[in-house]
């Protein structure tokens, strides 16, 4: 019965429209939005980073359900934009939520799937009875070089999941992974922006690994797409997850609740976790959720999840923290100059 005890999300309120980025670089906005299916993306405030986003997501998770922070025996934060190269974000999160020093903490890195890898690790530690609860977070303030294709989608946000076996709101029945050494995307130490392998990003990057992990889970669980109420895929844009879902046999209604990238952008390590959170925001007891993340480099984690009656219990208050749809409302739009300042692309000289 290991599963999700509670969850929380944080998305900055600032946004920039894709057409504004296209205007600055002389690109055709209609071609970009049509090709990517992304219309705007979130932008961190001047004082926000992957750590502050992780803390807010964790606090929102704890608002929804009482979990004694001192019983959280592990804090793992997955990101590819940790504030420090040497100093763990996870320690900051643990301290901020009041967890005991008697815990294990570490930062995870696997491009956009580090958050789901953290969930798997917490599952193992809870199931082996090493810890009562584990906190797994996927958070990013994604990077994209000025004028690069990544700049149109690289966004900010994160989701946190408390994993345990004490009456979970959603049971994780099974998980598996599919991993190869595929250099489709990378960022060397000291570089501000990542590079990508262009035509290798779709295949043998995204589609090979998403389909590989998905089919492996179907094989191991003897289930098929028709056995799931909803499905969530890593969403670097709107085109990739829709194609992957269709190729695997899922329909548009199954992926609709978790497909938040058109108004959010690609939150990297937060992408599939936020999609899962958006699905949990509307899920009912008995609903089944298929999740498949993707991280360049490359690998995918797949999950078989079932929502339990606990999601409607008095112990869990879904409306005690903002849901994904609520966090996407009432944005504050920036022009490119203010966006560049928020992202550190423009630095004021003193």
Protein backbone atom coordinates (compact mmCIF):
# COMPACT_ATOMS: atom_id res chain seq x y z
CA UNK A 1 0.00 0.00 0.00
CA UNK A 2 2.89 2.40 -0.56
CA UNK A 3 1.61 5.52 -2.24
CA UNK A 4 1.01 9.25 -2.18
CA UNK A 5 -0.04 10.57 1.24
CA UNK A 6 -0.40 14.17 0.07
CA UNK A 7 0.91 16.47 -2.62
CA UNK A 8 1.44 20.14 -3.37
CA UNK A 9 2.39 22.38 -6.28
CA UNK A 10 3.88 25.82 -6.74
CA UNK A 11 3.92 27.82 -9.99
CA UNK A 12 5.17 31.42 -10.16
CA UNK A 13 2.55 33.96 -11.17
CA UNK A 14 4.67 35.70 -13.81
CA UNK A 15 4.29 34.69 -17.47
CA UNK A 16 5.62 35.59 -20.88
CA UNK A 17 3.75 34.87 -24.08
CA UNK A 18 5.52 32.87 -26.76
CA UNK A 19 4.59 35.56 -29.29
CA UNK A 20 6.57 38.13 -27.26
CA UNK A 21 9.71 35.98 -27.41
CA UNK A 22 9.14 35.44 -31.12
CA UNK A 23 8.72 39.18 -31.67
CA UNK A 24 12.14 39.91 -30.18
CA UNK A 25 13.92 37.32 -32.32
CA UNK A 26 11.98 38.02 -35.52
CA UNK A 27 10.37 34.59 -35.58
CA UNK A 28 6.89 33.67 -36.77
CA UNK A 29 4.84 33.29 -33.59
CA UNK A 30 2.08 31.32 -35.31
CA UNK A 31 4.55 28.73 -36.55
CA UNK A 32 6.07 28.34 -33.08
CA UNK A 33 2.83 28.11 -31.12
CA UNK A 34 1.35 25.84 -33.77
CA UNK A 35 4.40 23.58 -33.80
CA UNK A 36 4.88 23.40 -30.04
CA UNK A 37 1.31 23.82 -28.82
CA UNK A 38 2.62 26.20 -26.16
CA UNK A 39 1.20 29.73 -25.88
CA UNK A 40 2.84 31.09 -22.74
CA UNK A 41 5.19 29.97 -19.99
CA UNK A 42 5.81 30.68 -16.31
CA UNK A 43 8.70 32.89 -15.22
CA UNK A 44 10.26 32.96 -11.73
CA UNK A 45 10.16 36.15 -9.71
CA UNK A 46 13.45 37.93 -9.06
CA UNK A 47 13.88 36.12 -5.73
CA UNK A 48 12.61 32.69 -6.79
CA UNK A 49 14.70 29.66 -7.67
CA UNK A 50 14.40 25.87 -7.62
CA UNK A 51 14.82 25.84 -3.82
CA UNK A 52 12.10 28.39 -3.02
CA UNK A 53 9.73 26.64 -5.44
CA UNK A 54 10.48 23.29 -3.76
CA UNK A 55 9.79 24.75 -0.32
CA UNK A 56 6.46 26.26 -1.39
CA UNK A 57 5.35 23.02 -3.06
CA UNK A 58 6.29 21.03 0.08
CA UNK A 59 4.44 23.47 2.35
CA UNK A 60 1.35 23.22 0.15
CA UNK A 61 1.50 19.44 0.42
CA UNK A 62 1.59 19.65 4.21
CA UNK A 63 -1.34 22.09 4.22
CA UNK A 64 -3.53 19.45 2.64
CA UNK A 65 -2.85 16.76 5.21
CA UNK A 66 -1.29 16.66 8.63
CA UNK A 67 2.00 14.84 8.45
CA UNK A 68 4.45 15.40 11.29
CA UNK A 69 7.54 16.82 9.53
CA UNK A 70 9.71 15.06 12.09
CA UNK A 71 8.49 11.74 10.69
CA UNK A 72 9.72 12.60 7.20
CA UNK A 73 12.85 10.49 7.13
CA UNK A 74 14.01 11.40 3.62
CA UNK A 75 13.93 14.56 1.50
CA UNK A 76 14.97 14.20 -2.12
CA UNK A 77 14.83 17.10 -4.55
CA UNK A 78 15.13 16.46 -8.28
CA UNK A 79 16.18 19.39 -10.47
CA UNK A 80 18.57 20.45 -13.19
CA UNK A 81 18.71 24.02 -11.87
CA UNK A 82 19.77 23.59 -8.25
CA UNK A 83 20.92 26.97 -6.88
CA UNK A 84 24.29 25.54 -5.86
CA UNK A 85 26.61 23.13 -7.61
CA UNK A 86 27.86 22.06 -4.17
CA UNK A 87 25.23 22.49 -1.44
CA UNK A 88 22.07 20.43 -1.47
CA UNK A 89 18.67 21.99 -2.04
CA UNK A 90 17.16 19.12 -0.05
CA UNK A 91 18.73 20.36 3.21
CA UNK A 92 17.11 23.77 2.72
CA UNK A 93 13.72 22.16 2.11
CA UNK A 94 14.01 19.89 5.15
CA UNK A 95 14.93 22.80 7.42
CA UNK A 96 12.16 25.02 6.00
CA UNK A 97 9.39 22.49 6.68
CA UNK A 98 10.66 21.63 10.17
CA UNK A 99 11.91 18.11 9.49
CA UNK A 100 14.18 16.57 12.10
CA UNK A 101 17.95 16.55 11.49
CA UNK A 102 17.64 12.75 11.81
CA UNK A 103 16.85 12.32 8.11
CA UNK A 104 18.56 11.48 4.87
CA UNK A 105 18.59 14.19 2.21
CA UNK A 106 20.03 14.47 -1.26
CA UNK A 107 19.66 16.26 -4.56
CA UNK A 108 18.76 14.19 -7.60
CA UNK A 109 19.72 14.97 -11.16
CA UNK A 110 18.49 13.21 -14.27
CA UNK A 111 17.39 16.04 -16.52
CA UNK A 112 13.58 16.16 -16.49
CA UNK A 113 12.92 12.89 -14.64
CA UNK A 114 14.83 13.54 -11.42
CA UNK A 115 11.56 14.17 -9.55
CA UNK A 116 10.06 10.79 -10.47
CA UNK A 117 13.36 9.09 -9.60
CA UNK A 118 13.01 10.69 -6.16
CA UNK A 119 9.51 9.20 -5.85
CA UNK A 120 10.87 5.74 -6.66
CA UNK A 121 13.60 6.08 -4.03
CA UNK A 122 11.12 7.16 -1.37
CA UNK A 123 8.90 4.21 -2.30
CA UNK A 124 11.75 1.79 -1.70
CA UNK A 125 12.68 3.30 1.65
CA UNK A 126 9.08 3.33 2.88
CA UNK A 127 8.42 -0.20 1.69
CA UNK A 128 11.56 -1.47 3.42
CA UNK A 129 10.40 0.30 6.63
CA UNK A 130 13.55 2.41 6.82
CA UNK A 131 11.40 5.57 7.08
CA UNK A 132 7.74 6.37 7.83
CA UNK A 133 7.48 9.05 5.14
CA UNK A 134 9.62 10.36 2.31
CA UNK A 135 9.33 13.70 0.52
CA UNK A 136 10.02 13.68 -3.22
CA UNK A 137 10.10 16.91 -5.20
CA UNK A 138 10.57 17.83 -8.85
CA UNK A 139 11.42 21.51 -9.27
CA UNK A 140 13.10 23.69 -11.86
CA UNK A 141 13.68 27.19 -13.15
CA UNK A 142 14.49 25.89 -16.60
CA UNK A 143 17.22 27.36 -18.77
CA UNK A 144 17.10 28.29 -22.42
CA UNK A 145 19.69 30.39 -24.22
CA UNK A 146 18.43 33.66 -25.77
CA UNK A 147 17.01 32.91 -29.20
CA UNK A 148 17.34 29.13 -28.79
CA UNK A 149 14.34 26.87 -29.41
CA UNK A 150 14.34 25.97 -25.69
CA UNK A 151 13.65 29.58 -24.71
CA UNK A 152 10.08 29.36 -25.99
CA UNK A 153 9.15 26.66 -23.47
CA UNK A 154 11.67 26.65 -20.57
CA UNK A 155 9.51 27.49 -17.54
CA UNK A 156 9.45 27.44 -13.73
CA UNK A 157 7.48 25.34 -11.25
CA UNK A 158 7.50 22.27 -9.07
CA UNK A 159 5.49 19.59 -7.31
CA UNK A 160 6.04 17.77 -4.02
CA UNK A 161 4.77 14.34 -2.97
CA UNK A 162 4.83 12.81 0.49
CA UNK A 163 5.24 9.05 0.06
CA UNK A 164 4.14 6.61 2.76
CA UNK A 165 1.91 3.63 3.54
CA UNK A 166 -0.46 5.17 6.09
CA UNK A 167 -3.78 5.38 4.21
CA UNK A 168 -2.45 6.91 0.96
CA UNK A 169 -4.76 8.99 -1.23
CA UNK A 170 -3.30 7.13 -4.22
CA UNK A 171 -1.59 3.75 -4.18
CA UNK A 172 1.41 3.23 -6.44
CA UNK A 173 0.94 -0.37 -7.52
CA UNK A 174 4.02 -0.63 -9.70
CA UNK A 175 6.89 1.34 -11.20
CA UNK A 176 9.61 0.54 -13.70
CA UNK A 177 12.26 2.37 -15.70
CA UNK A 178 13.87 2.30 -19.14
CA UNK A 179 17.34 3.87 -19.45
CA UNK A 180 20.08 4.19 -22.08
CA UNK A 181 23.12 6.39 -22.73
CA UNK A 182 21.58 8.73 -25.32
CA UNK A 183 23.20 12.20 -25.47
CA UNK A 184 20.19 14.17 -26.73
CA UNK A 185 20.54 17.05 -24.24
CA UNK A 186 23.29 18.16 -21.86
CA UNK A 187 24.87 21.04 -19.95
CA UNK A 188 28.50 20.99 -18.90
CA UNK A 189 29.72 22.28 -15.53
CA UNK A 190 29.96 26.07 -15.57
CA UNK A 191 27.79 26.56 -18.64
CA UNK A 192 24.73 28.78 -18.21
CA UNK A 193 22.60 27.09 -20.84
CA UNK A 194 22.10 23.50 -22.02
CA UNK A 195 22.66 22.22 -25.54
CA UNK A 196 20.49 19.74 -27.36
CA UNK A 197 20.99 17.18 -30.07
CA UNK A 198 18.40 18.65 -32.43
CA UNK A 199 16.82 15.86 -34.40
CA UNK A 200 17.84 13.30 -31.74
CA UNK A 201 15.56 14.94 -29.16
CA UNK A 202 12.43 13.18 -30.45
CA UNK A 203 14.04 9.90 -31.46
CA UNK A 204 16.06 8.14 -30.11
CA UNK A 205 15.44 10.47 -27.14
CA UNK A 206 11.89 11.11 -25.97
CA UNK A 207 9.81 8.58 -27.91
CA UNK A 208 12.14 5.58 -27.59
CA UNK A 209 12.33 5.91 -23.80
CA UNK A 210 8.72 6.90 -23.10
CA UNK A 211 7.45 4.02 -25.20
CA UNK A 212 10.10 1.70 -23.75
CA UNK A 213 9.12 2.37 -20.14
CA UNK A 214 5.39 2.39 -20.93
CA UNK A 215 5.45 -0.94 -22.74
CA UNK A 216 7.62 -2.44 -20.00
CA UNK A 217 5.03 -1.46 -17.39
CA UNK A 218 2.20 -2.88 -19.51
CA UNK A 219 4.15 -6.12 -19.84
CA UNK A 220 4.95 -6.38 -16.13
CA UNK A 221 1.45 -5.46 -14.88
CA UNK A 222 -0.53 -7.21 -17.65
CA UNK A 223 -2.41 -3.94 -18.17
CA UNK A 224 -3.15 -1.84 -21.25
CA UNK A 225 -4.02 1.83 -21.90
CA UNK A 226 -7.74 1.01 -21.69
CA UNK A 227 -7.24 0.00 -18.03
CA UNK A 228 -6.36 3.57 -17.00
CA UNK A 229 -8.71 6.47 -16.42
CA UNK A 230 -5.99 9.07 -17.00
CA UNK A 231 -2.46 9.26 -18.37
CA UNK A 232 0.34 11.77 -17.79
CA UNK A 233 3.47 12.06 -19.89
CA UNK A 234 6.51 14.29 -19.71
CA UNK A 235 5.57 17.42 -21.61
CA UNK A 236 8.45 19.41 -23.12
CA UNK A 237 5.78 20.74 -25.48
CA UNK A 238 2.20 19.76 -26.26
CA UNK A 239 3.08 17.84 -29.43
CA UNK A 240 5.32 15.12 -27.95
CA UNK A 241 3.03 13.82 -25.18
CA UNK A 242 0.00 13.79 -27.46
CA UNK A 243 1.85 11.78 -30.10
CA UNK A 244 3.29 9.36 -27.53
CA UNK A 245 -0.14 8.84 -25.97
CA UNK A 246 -1.77 8.21 -29.34
CA UNK A 247 0.98 5.82 -30.45
CA UNK A 248 0.62 3.82 -27.23
CA UNK A 249 -3.17 3.62 -27.46
CA UNK A 250 -4.37 6.34 -25.08
CA UNK A 251 -7.06 8.81 -26.15
CA UNK A 252 -7.27 12.59 -25.81
CA UNK A 253 -9.68 12.48 -22.86
CA UNK A 254 -7.23 10.39 -20.82
CA UNK A 255 -4.39 12.90 -21.11
CA UNK A 256 -6.41 16.13 -21.06
CA UNK A 257 -6.37 16.82 -17.25
CA UNK A 258 -2.60 16.45 -16.97
CA UNK A 259 -1.63 18.26 -20.16
CA UNK A 260 -0.80 21.65 -18.63
CA UNK A 261 2.14 22.64 -20.84
CA UNK A 262 0.19 24.97 -23.21
CA UNK A 263 -0.26 27.60 -20.48
CA UNK A 264 2.70 26.64 -18.28
CA UNK A 265 5.62 25.69 -20.47
CA UNK A 266 8.15 22.97 -19.75
CA UNK A 267 9.06 22.91 -16.07
CA UNK A 268 11.65 20.18 -16.69
CA UNK A 269 11.85 18.11 -13.47
CA UNK A 270 8.46 19.50 -12.47
CA UNK A 271 6.72 18.68 -15.75
CA UNK A 272 5.27 15.19 -15.24
CA UNK A 273 4.89 15.69 -11.44
CA UNK A 274 2.79 18.82 -12.03
CA UNK A 275 0.80 16.90 -14.64
CA UNK A 276 0.17 14.18 -12.06
CA UNK A 277 -0.85 16.79 -9.49
CA UNK A 278 -3.30 18.38 -11.95
CA UNK A 279 -4.83 14.94 -12.50
CA UNK A 280 -5.07 14.26 -8.76
CA UNK A 281 -6.81 17.63 -8.42
CA UNK A 282 -9.86 16.20 -10.22
CA UNK A 283 -9.49 12.46 -9.58
CA UNK A 284 -12.07 10.34 -7.77
CA UNK A 285 -11.71 7.13 -5.76
CA UNK A 286 -11.12 4.18 -8.07
CA UNK A 287 -9.62 6.26 -10.86
CA UNK A 288 -6.41 4.83 -12.26
CA UNK A 289 -3.53 7.01 -13.47
CA UNK A 290 -0.68 6.06 -15.75
CA UNK A 291 2.42 8.27 -15.50
CA UNK A 292 5.56 8.22 -17.63
CA UNK A 293 8.32 10.78 -17.16
CA UNK A 294 11.31 11.41 -19.41
CA UNK A 295 14.77 12.74 -18.71
CA UNK A 296 17.30 13.44 -21.41
CA UNK A 297 20.50 11.47 -21.24
CA UNK A 298 18.21 9.40 -21.29
CA UNK A 299 15.53 7.53 -19.36
CA UNK A 300 11.87 7.23 -18.39
CA UNK A 301 10.06 6.14 -15.22
CA UNK A 302 6.56 4.66 -15.52
CA UNK A 303 3.97 4.34 -12.73
CA UNK A 304 0.68 2.48 -12.19
CA UNK A 305 -1.35 4.53 -9.69
CA UNK A 306 -4.84 4.04 -8.26
CA UNK A 307 -6.76 6.73 -6.36
CA UNK A 308 -8.23 5.56 -3.02
CA UNK A 309 -11.18 6.62 -0.86
CA UNK A 310 -8.73 8.58 1.31
CA UNK A 311 -8.72 11.41 -1.23
CA UNK A 312 -12.24 12.27 -0.03
CA UNK A 313 -11.60 11.66 3.66
CA UNK A 314 -11.63 14.30 6.37
CA UNK A 315 -7.90 13.76 6.87
CA UNK A 316 -7.09 15.05 3.39
CA UNK A 317 -8.28 18.53 2.40
CA UNK A 318 -7.69 19.02 -1.31
CA UNK A 319 -8.89 22.63 -1.20
CA UNK A 320 -6.50 23.60 1.64
CA UNK A 321 -3.82 24.43 -0.94
CA UNK A 322 -4.16 25.81 -4.47
CA UNK A 323 -4.55 23.33 -7.30
CA UNK A 324 -2.75 23.54 -10.62
CA UNK A 325 -5.67 25.19 -12.42
CA UNK A 326 -5.90 27.82 -9.69
CA UNK A 327 -2.16 28.51 -9.86
CA UNK A 328 -2.42 29.08 -13.60
CA UNK A 329 -5.07 31.78 -13.19
CA UNK A 330 -4.52 35.55 -13.02
CA UNK A 331 -1.01 35.67 -14.50
CA UNK A 332 1.15 38.79 -14.58
CA UNK A 333 2.58 39.15 -18.07
CA UNK A 334 6.10 40.41 -18.69
CA UNK A 335 7.66 41.93 -21.77
CA UNK A 336 10.95 40.44 -22.97
CA UNK A 337 13.11 42.98 -21.14
CA UNK A 338 11.55 42.26 -17.75
CA UNK A 339 11.55 38.54 -18.50
CA UNK A 340 15.27 38.68 -19.27
CA UNK A 341 15.85 40.49 -15.97
CA UNK A 342 13.85 37.89 -14.04
CA UNK A 343 15.81 35.08 -15.69
CA UNK A 344 19.20 36.71 -15.05
CA UNK A 345 19.86 37.29 -18.72
CA UNK A 346 20.14 41.01 -17.97
CA UNK A 347 22.14 42.01 -14.91
CA UNK A 348 22.13 45.58 -13.59
CA UNK A 349 25.63 46.97 -13.14
CA UNK A 350 26.21 48.92 -9.91
